[in-house]
Amino acid sequence: IAALQRRLGTTTVYVTHDQVEAMTMGDRVAV
């Protein structure tokens, strides 16, 4: 998903409760 988003360049807002997902995927993280 992270690689696909970079390829498409589409603005993405992603919700998760998993902080490992948050830290590995996001350009920025909102807590």
ModelCIF file with pLDDT and N, C-alpha, C, O atoms, coordinates in Angstrom:
data_MODEL
#
_entry.id   MODEL 
#
_entity.id                         1 
_entity.type                       polymer 
_entity.pdbx_number_of_molecules   1 
#
_entity_poly.entity_id                      1 
_entity_poly.type                           'polypeptide(L)' 
_entity_poly.nstd_linkage                   no 
_entity_poly.nstd_monomer                   no 
_entity_poly.pdbx_seq_one_letter_code       IAALQRRLGTTTVYVTHDQVEAMTMGDRVAV 
_entity_poly.pdbx_seq_one_letter_code_can   IAALQRRLGTTTVYVTHDQVEAMTMGDRVAV 
_entity_poly.pdbx_strand_id                 A 
#
loop_
_entity_poly_seq.entity_id 
_entity_poly_seq.num 
_entity_poly_seq.mon_id 
_entity_poly_seq.hetero 
1 1  ILE n 
1 2  ALA n 
1 3  ALA n 
1 4  LEU n 
1 5  GLN n 
1 6  ARG n 
1 7  ARG n 
1 8  LEU n 
1 9  GLY n 
1 10 THR n 
1 11 THR n 
1 12 THR n 
1 13 VAL n 
1 14 TYR n 
1 15 VAL n 
1 16 THR n 
1 17 HIS n 
1 18 ASP n 
1 19 GLN n 
1 20 VAL n 
1 21 GLU n 
1 22 ALA n 
1 23 MET n 
1 24 THR n 
1 25 MET n 
1 26 GLY n 
1 27 ASP n 
1 28 ARG n 
1 29 VAL n 
1 30 ALA n 
1 31 VAL n 
#
_struct_asym.id          A 
_struct_asym.entity_id   1 
#
loop_
_ma_qa_metric.id 
_ma_qa_metric.mode 
_ma_qa_metric.name 
_ma_qa_metric.software_group_id 
_ma_qa_metric.type 
1 global pLDDT . pLDDT 
2 local  pLDDT . pLDDT 
#
_ma_qa_metric_global.metric_id      1 
_ma_qa_metric_global.metric_value   93.55 
_ma_qa_metric_global.model_id       1 
_ma_qa_metric_global.ordinal_id     1 
#
loop_
_ma_qa_metric_local.label_asym_id 
_ma_qa_metric_local.label_comp_id 
_ma_qa_metric_local.label_seq_id 
_ma_qa_metric_local.metric_id 
_ma_qa_metric_local.metric_value 
_ma_qa_metric_local.model_id 
_ma_qa_metric_local.ordinal_id 
A ILE 1  2 90.00 1 1  
A ALA 2  2 90.00 1 2  
A ALA 3  2 89.00 1 3  
A LEU 4  2 89.00 1 4  
A GLN 5  2 92.00 1 5  
A ARG 6  2 91.00 1 6  
A ARG 7  2 90.00 1 7  
A LEU 8  2 92.00 1 8  
A GLY 9  2 94.00 1 9  
A THR 10 2 95.00 1 10 
A THR 11 2 97.00 1 11 
A THR 12 2 97.00 1 12 
A VAL 13 2 98.00 1 13 
A TYR 14 2 97.00 1 14 
A VAL 15 2 97.00 1 15 
A THR 16 2 95.00 1 16 
A HIS 17 2 91.00 1 17 
A ASP 18 2 90.00 1 18 
A GLN 19 2 87.00 1 19 
A VAL 20 2 89.00 1 20 
A GLU 21 2 92.00 1 21 
A ALA 22 2 94.00 1 22 
A MET 23 2 94.00 1 23 
A THR 24 2 93.00 1 24 
A MET 25 2 94.00 1 25 
A GLY 26 2 94.00 1 26 
A ASP 27 2 97.00 1 27 
A ARG 28 2 98.00 1 28 
A VAL 29 2 98.00 1 29 
A ALA 30 2 98.00 1 30 
A VAL 31 2 98.00 1 31 
#
loop_
_atom_site.group_PDB 
_atom_site.id 
_atom_site.type_symbol 
_atom_site.label_atom_id 
_atom_site.label_alt_id 
_atom_site.label_comp_id 
_atom_site.label_asym_id 
_atom_site.label_entity_id 
_atom_site.label_seq_id 
_atom_site.pdbx_PDB_ins_code 
_atom_site.Cartn_x 
_atom_site.Cartn_y 
_atom_site.Cartn_z 
_atom_site.occupancy 
_atom_site.B_iso_or_equiv 
_atom_site.pdbx_formal_charge 
_atom_site.auth_seq_id 
_atom_site.auth_comp_id 
_atom_site.auth_asym_id 
_atom_site.auth_atom_id 
_atom_site.pdbx_PDB_model_num 
ATOM 1   N N  . ILE A 1 1  ? 0.838  -1.207 0.000  1.00 90.00 ? 1  ILE A N  1 
ATOM 2   C CA . ILE A 1 1  ? 0.000  0.000  0.000  1.00 90.00 ? 1  ILE A CA 1 
ATOM 3   C C  . ILE A 1 1  ? 0.868  1.252  0.000  1.00 90.00 ? 1  ILE A C  1 
ATOM 4   O O  . ILE A 1 1  ? 0.614  2.190  -0.756 1.00 90.00 ? 1  ILE A O  1 
ATOM 5   N N  . ALA A 1 2  ? 1.896  1.265  0.850  1.00 90.00 ? 2  ALA A N  1 
ATOM 6   C CA . ALA A 1 2  ? 2.775  2.435  0.917  1.00 90.00 ? 2  ALA A CA 1 
ATOM 7   C C  . ALA A 1 2  ? 3.480  2.664  -0.417 1.00 90.00 ? 2  ALA A C  1 
ATOM 8   O O  . ALA A 1 2  ? 3.586  3.803  -0.872 1.00 90.00 ? 2  ALA A O  1 
ATOM 9   N N  . ALA A 1 3  ? 3.964  1.589  -1.049 1.00 89.00 ? 3  ALA A N  1 
ATOM 10  C CA . ALA A 1 3  ? 4.648  1.717  -2.337 1.00 89.00 ? 3  ALA A CA 1 
ATOM 11  C C  . ALA A 1 3  ? 3.682  2.186  -3.421 1.00 89.00 ? 3  ALA A C  1 
ATOM 12  O O  . ALA A 1 3  ? 4.040  3.004  -4.268 1.00 89.00 ? 3  ALA A O  1 
ATOM 13  N N  . LEU A 1 4  ? 2.444  1.659  -3.390 1.00 89.00 ? 4  LEU A N  1 
ATOM 14  C CA . LEU A 1 4  ? 1.437  2.041  -4.379 1.00 89.00 ? 4  LEU A CA 1 
ATOM 15  C C  . LEU A 1 4  ? 1.070  3.515  -4.240 1.00 89.00 ? 4  LEU A C  1 
ATOM 16  O O  . LEU A 1 4  ? 0.922  4.219  -5.239 1.00 89.00 ? 4  LEU A O  1 
ATOM 17  N N  . GLN A 1 5  ? 0.924  3.981  -2.999 1.00 92.00 ? 5  GLN A N  1 
ATOM 18  C CA . GLN A 1 5  ? 0.583  5.392  -2.782 1.00 92.00 ? 5  GLN A CA 1 
ATOM 19  C C  . GLN A 1 5  ? 1.676  6.305  -3.313 1.00 92.00 ? 5  GLN A C  1 
ATOM 20  O O  . GLN A 1 5  ? 1.387  7.338  -3.917 1.00 92.00 ? 5  GLN A O  1 
ATOM 21  N N  . ARG A 1 6  ? 2.925  5.930  -3.091 1.00 91.00 ? 6  ARG A N  1 
ATOM 22  C CA . ARG A 1 6  ? 4.029  6.756  -3.602 1.00 91.00 ? 6  ARG A CA 1 
ATOM 23  C C  . ARG A 1 6  ? 4.016  6.784  -5.128 1.00 91.00 ? 6  ARG A C  1 
ATOM 24  O O  . ARG A 1 6  ? 4.300  7.812  -5.744 1.00 91.00 ? 6  ARG A O  1 
ATOM 25  N N  . ARG A 1 7  ? 3.687  5.655  -5.723 1.00 90.00 ? 7  ARG A N  1 
ATOM 26  C CA . ARG A 1 7  ? 3.653  5.574  -7.184 1.00 90.00 ? 7  ARG A CA 1 
ATOM 27  C C  . ARG A 1 7  ? 2.528  6.428  -7.758 1.00 90.00 ? 7  ARG A C  1 
ATOM 28  O O  . ARG A 1 7  ? 2.721  7.124  -8.755 1.00 90.00 ? 7  ARG A O  1 
ATOM 29  N N  . LEU A 1 8  ? 1.349  6.375  -7.131 1.00 92.00 ? 8  LEU A N  1 
ATOM 30  C CA . LEU A 1 8  ? 0.198  7.130  -7.622 1.00 92.00 ? 8  LEU A CA 1 
ATOM 31  C C  . LEU A 1 8  ? 0.259  8.598  -7.226 1.00 92.00 ? 8  LEU A C  1 
ATOM 32  O O  . LEU A 1 8  ? -0.226 9.462  -7.957 1.00 92.00 ? 8  LEU A O  1 
ATOM 33  N N  . GLY A 1 9  ? 0.861  8.885  -6.057 1.00 94.00 ? 9  GLY A N  1 
ATOM 34  C CA . GLY A 1 9  ? 0.965  10.270 -5.582 1.00 94.00 ? 9  GLY A CA 1 
ATOM 35  C C  . GLY A 1 9  ? -0.349 10.867 -5.134 1.00 94.00 ? 9  GLY A C  1 
ATOM 36  O O  . GLY A 1 9  ? -0.494 12.089 -5.100 1.00 94.00 ? 9  GLY A O  1 
ATOM 37  N N  . THR A 1 10 ? -1.325 10.015 -4.784 1.00 95.00 ? 10 THR A N  1 
ATOM 38  C CA . THR A 1 10 ? -2.642 10.506 -4.360 1.00 95.00 ? 10 THR A CA 1 
ATOM 39  C C  . THR A 1 10 ? -2.636 10.798 -2.860 1.00 95.00 ? 10 THR A C  1 
ATOM 40  O O  . THR A 1 10 ? -2.148 9.992  -2.068 1.00 95.00 ? 10 THR A O  1 
ATOM 41  N N  . THR A 1 11 ? -3.170 11.931 -2.483 1.00 97.00 ? 11 THR A N  1 
ATOM 42  C CA . THR A 1 11 ? -3.311 12.282 -1.072 1.00 97.00 ? 11 THR A CA 1 
ATOM 43  C C  . THR A 1 11 ? -4.086 11.181 -0.356 1.00 97.00 ? 11 THR A C  1 
ATOM 44  O O  . THR A 1 11 ? -5.161 10.782 -0.802 1.00 97.00 ? 11 THR A O  1 
ATOM 45  N N  . THR A 1 12 ? -3.541 10.694 0.751  1.00 97.00 ? 12 THR A N  1 
ATOM 46  C CA . THR A 1 12 ? -4.137 9.553  1.440  1.00 97.00 ? 12 THR A CA 1 
ATOM 47  C C  . THR A 1 12 ? -4.227 9.813  2.938  1.00 97.00 ? 12 THR A C  1 
ATOM 48  O O  . THR A 1 12 ? -3.256 10.239 3.563  1.00 97.00 ? 12 THR A O  1 
ATOM 49  N N  . VAL A 1 13 ? -5.402 9.554  3.508  1.00 98.00 ? 13 VAL A N  1 
ATOM 50  C CA . VAL A 1 13 ? -5.597 9.603  4.956  1.00 98.00 ? 13 VAL A CA 1 
ATOM 51  C C  . VAL A 1 13 ? -5.950 8.184  5.397  1.00 98.00 ? 13 VAL A C  1 
ATOM 52  O O  . VAL A 1 13 ? -6.930 7.603  4.931  1.00 98.00 ? 13 VAL A O  1 
ATOM 53  N N  . TYR A 1 14 ? -5.145 7.641  6.290  1.00 97.00 ? 14 TYR A N  1 
ATOM 54  C CA . TYR A 1 14 ? -5.200 6.220  6.651  1.00 97.00 ? 14 TYR A CA 1 
ATOM 55  C C  . TYR A 1 14 ? -5.412 6.106  8.152  1.00 97.00 ? 14 TYR A C  1 
ATOM 56  O O  . TYR A 1 14 ? -4.671 6.705  8.931  1.00 97.00 ? 14 TYR A O  1 
ATOM 57  N N  . VAL A 1 15 ? -6.411 5.349  8.560  1.00 97.00 ? 15 VAL A N  1 
ATOM 58  C CA . VAL A 1 15 ? -6.724 5.167  9.990  1.00 97.00 ? 15 VAL A CA 1 
ATOM 59  C C  . VAL A 1 15 ? -6.268 3.792  10.449 1.00 97.00 ? 15 VAL A C  1 
ATOM 60  O O  . VAL A 1 15 ? -6.520 2.794  9.774  1.00 97.00 ? 15 VAL A O  1 
ATOM 61  N N  . THR A 1 16 ? -5.597 3.735  11.595 1.00 95.00 ? 16 THR A N  1 
ATOM 62  C CA . THR A 1 16 ? -5.222 2.464  12.202 1.00 95.00 ? 16 THR A CA 1 
ATOM 63  C C  . THR A 1 16 ? -5.091 2.636  13.705 1.00 95.00 ? 16 THR A C  1 
ATOM 64  O O  . THR A 1 16 ? -4.841 3.736  14.196 1.00 95.00 ? 16 THR A O  1 
ATOM 65  N N  . HIS A 1 17 ? -5.263 1.530  14.437 1.00 91.00 ? 17 HIS A N  1 
ATOM 66  C CA . HIS A 1 17 ? -4.969 1.545  15.872 1.00 91.00 ? 17 HIS A CA 1 
ATOM 67  C C  . HIS A 1 17 ? -3.585 0.952  16.115 1.00 91.00 ? 17 HIS A C  1 
ATOM 68  O O  . HIS A 1 17 ? -3.093 0.955  17.243 1.00 91.00 ? 17 HIS A O  1 
ATOM 69  N N  . ASP A 1 18 ? -2.957 0.442  15.052 1.00 90.00 ? 18 ASP A N  1 
ATOM 70  C CA . ASP A 1 18 ? -1.673 -0.247 15.149 1.00 90.00 ? 18 ASP A CA 1 
ATOM 71  C C  . ASP A 1 18 ? -0.545 0.754  14.934 1.00 90.00 ? 18 ASP A C  1 
ATOM 72  O O  . ASP A 1 18 ? -0.337 1.227  13.817 1.00 90.00 ? 18 ASP A O  1 
ATOM 73  N N  . GLN A 1 19 ? 0.191  1.079  16.012 1.00 87.00 ? 19 GLN A N  1 
ATOM 74  C CA . GLN A 1 19 ? 1.216  2.110  15.875 1.00 87.00 ? 19 GLN A CA 1 
ATOM 75  C C  . GLN A 1 19 ? 2.391  1.655  15.019 1.00 87.00 ? 19 GLN A C  1 
ATOM 76  O O  . GLN A 1 19 ? 3.114  2.496  14.483 1.00 87.00 ? 19 GLN A O  1 
ATOM 77  N N  . VAL A 1 20 ? 2.604  0.339  14.873 1.00 89.00 ? 20 VAL A N  1 
ATOM 78  C CA . VAL A 1 20 ? 3.656  -0.136 13.969 1.00 89.00 ? 20 VAL A CA 1 
ATOM 79  C C  . VAL A 1 20 ? 3.285  0.192  12.522 1.00 89.00 ? 20 VAL A C  1 
ATOM 80  O O  . VAL A 1 20 ? 4.131  0.635  11.745 1.00 89.00 ? 20 VAL A O  1 
ATOM 81  N N  . GLU A 1 21 ? 2.011  -0.030 12.163 1.00 92.00 ? 21 GLU A N  1 
ATOM 82  C CA . GLU A 1 21 ? 1.525  0.382  10.840 1.00 92.00 ? 21 GLU A CA 1 
ATOM 83  C C  . GLU A 1 21 ? 1.736  1.870  10.638 1.00 92.00 ? 21 GLU A C  1 
ATOM 84  O O  . GLU A 1 21 ? 2.232  2.299  9.596  1.00 92.00 ? 21 GLU A O  1 
ATOM 85  N N  . ALA A 1 22 ? 1.363  2.646  11.626 1.00 94.00 ? 22 ALA A N  1 
ATOM 86  C CA . ALA A 1 22 ? 1.472  4.099  11.522 1.00 94.00 ? 22 ALA A CA 1 
ATOM 87  C C  . ALA A 1 22 ? 2.911  4.530  11.283 1.00 94.00 ? 22 ALA A C  1 
ATOM 88  O O  . ALA A 1 22 ? 3.180  5.367  10.420 1.00 94.00 ? 22 ALA A O  1 
ATOM 89  N N  . MET A 1 23 ? 3.838  3.958  12.049 1.00 94.00 ? 23 MET A N  1 
ATOM 90  C CA . MET A 1 23 ? 5.231  4.385  11.978 1.00 94.00 ? 23 MET A CA 1 
ATOM 91  C C  . MET A 1 23 ? 5.910  3.939  10.685 1.00 94.00 ? 23 MET A C  1 
ATOM 92  O O  . MET A 1 23 ? 6.831  4.606  10.214 1.00 94.00 ? 23 MET A O  1 
ATOM 93  N N  . THR A 1 24 ? 5.472  2.827  10.108 1.00 93.00 ? 24 THR A N  1 
ATOM 94  C CA . THR A 1 24 ? 6.140  2.313  8.909  1.00 93.00 ? 24 THR A CA 1 
ATOM 95  C C  . THR A 1 24 ? 5.533  2.831  7.616  1.00 93.00 ? 24 THR A C  1 
ATOM 96  O O  . THR A 1 24 ? 6.181  2.767  6.571  1.00 93.00 ? 24 THR A O  1 
ATOM 97  N N  . MET A 1 25 ? 4.294  3.350  7.658  1.00 94.00 ? 25 MET A N  1 
ATOM 98  C CA . MET A 1 25 ? 3.617  3.724  6.414  1.00 94.00 ? 25 MET A CA 1 
ATOM 99  C C  . MET A 1 25 ? 3.536  5.230  6.179  1.00 94.00 ? 25 MET A C  1 
ATOM 100 O O  . MET A 1 25 ? 3.642  5.678  5.038  1.00 94.00 ? 25 MET A O  1 
ATOM 101 N N  . GLY A 1 26 ? 3.351  6.012  7.232  1.00 94.00 ? 26 GLY A N  1 
ATOM 102 C CA . GLY A 1 26 ? 2.993  7.412  7.051  1.00 94.00 ? 26 GLY A CA 1 
ATOM 103 C C  . GLY A 1 26 ? 4.168  8.335  6.781  1.00 94.00 ? 26 GLY A C  1 
ATOM 104 O O  . GLY A 1 26 ? 5.257  8.152  7.323  1.00 94.00 ? 26 GLY A O  1 
ATOM 105 N N  . ASP A 1 27 ? 3.928  9.345  5.922  1.00 97.00 ? 27 ASP A N  1 
ATOM 106 C CA . ASP A 1 27 ? 4.870  10.467 5.815  1.00 97.00 ? 27 ASP A CA 1 
ATOM 107 C C  . ASP A 1 27 ? 4.842  11.252 7.125  1.00 97.00 ? 27 ASP A C  1 
ATOM 108 O O  . ASP A 1 27 ? 5.875  11.668 7.649  1.00 97.00 ? 27 ASP A O  1 
ATOM 109 N N  . ARG A 1 28 ? 3.621  11.440 7.637  1.00 98.00 ? 28 ARG A N  1 
ATOM 110 C CA . ARG A 1 28 ? 3.433  12.015 8.973  1.00 98.00 ? 28 ARG A CA 1 
ATOM 111 C C  . ARG A 1 28 ? 2.366  11.196 9.692  1.00 98.00 ? 28 ARG A C  1 
ATOM 112 O O  . ARG A 1 28 ? 1.552  10.514 9.068  1.00 98.00 ? 28 ARG A O  1 
ATOM 113 N N  . VAL A 1 29 ? 2.394  11.281 11.015 1.00 98.00 ? 29 VAL A N  1 
ATOM 114 C CA . VAL A 1 29 ? 1.441  10.557 11.850 1.00 98.00 ? 29 VAL A CA 1 
ATOM 115 C C  . VAL A 1 29 ? 0.753  11.553 12.769 1.00 98.00 ? 29 VAL A C  1 
ATOM 116 O O  . VAL A 1 29 ? 1.408  12.384 13.398 1.00 98.00 ? 29 VAL A O  1 
ATOM 117 N N  . ALA A 1 30 ? -0.579 11.464 12.844 1.00 98.00 ? 30 ALA A N  1 
ATOM 118 C CA . ALA A 1 30 ? -1.365 12.301 13.754 1.00 98.00 ? 30 ALA A CA 1 
ATOM 119 C C  . ALA A 1 30 ? -1.891 11.416 14.874 1.00 98.00 ? 30 ALA A C  1 
ATOM 120 O O  . ALA A 1 30 ? -2.609 10.450 14.615 1.00 98.00 ? 30 ALA A O  1 
ATOM 121 N N  . VAL A 1 31 ? -1.542 11.734 16.113 1.00 98.00 ? 31 VAL A N  1 
ATOM 122 C CA . VAL A 1 31 ? -1.932 10.933 17.274 1.00 98.00 ? 31 VAL A CA 1 
ATOM 123 C C  . VAL A 1 31 ? -3.119 11.599 17.956 1.00 98.00 ? 31 VAL A C  1 
ATOM 124 O O  . VAL A 1 31 ? -3.616 11.093 18.963 1.00 98.00 ? 31 VAL A O  1 
#
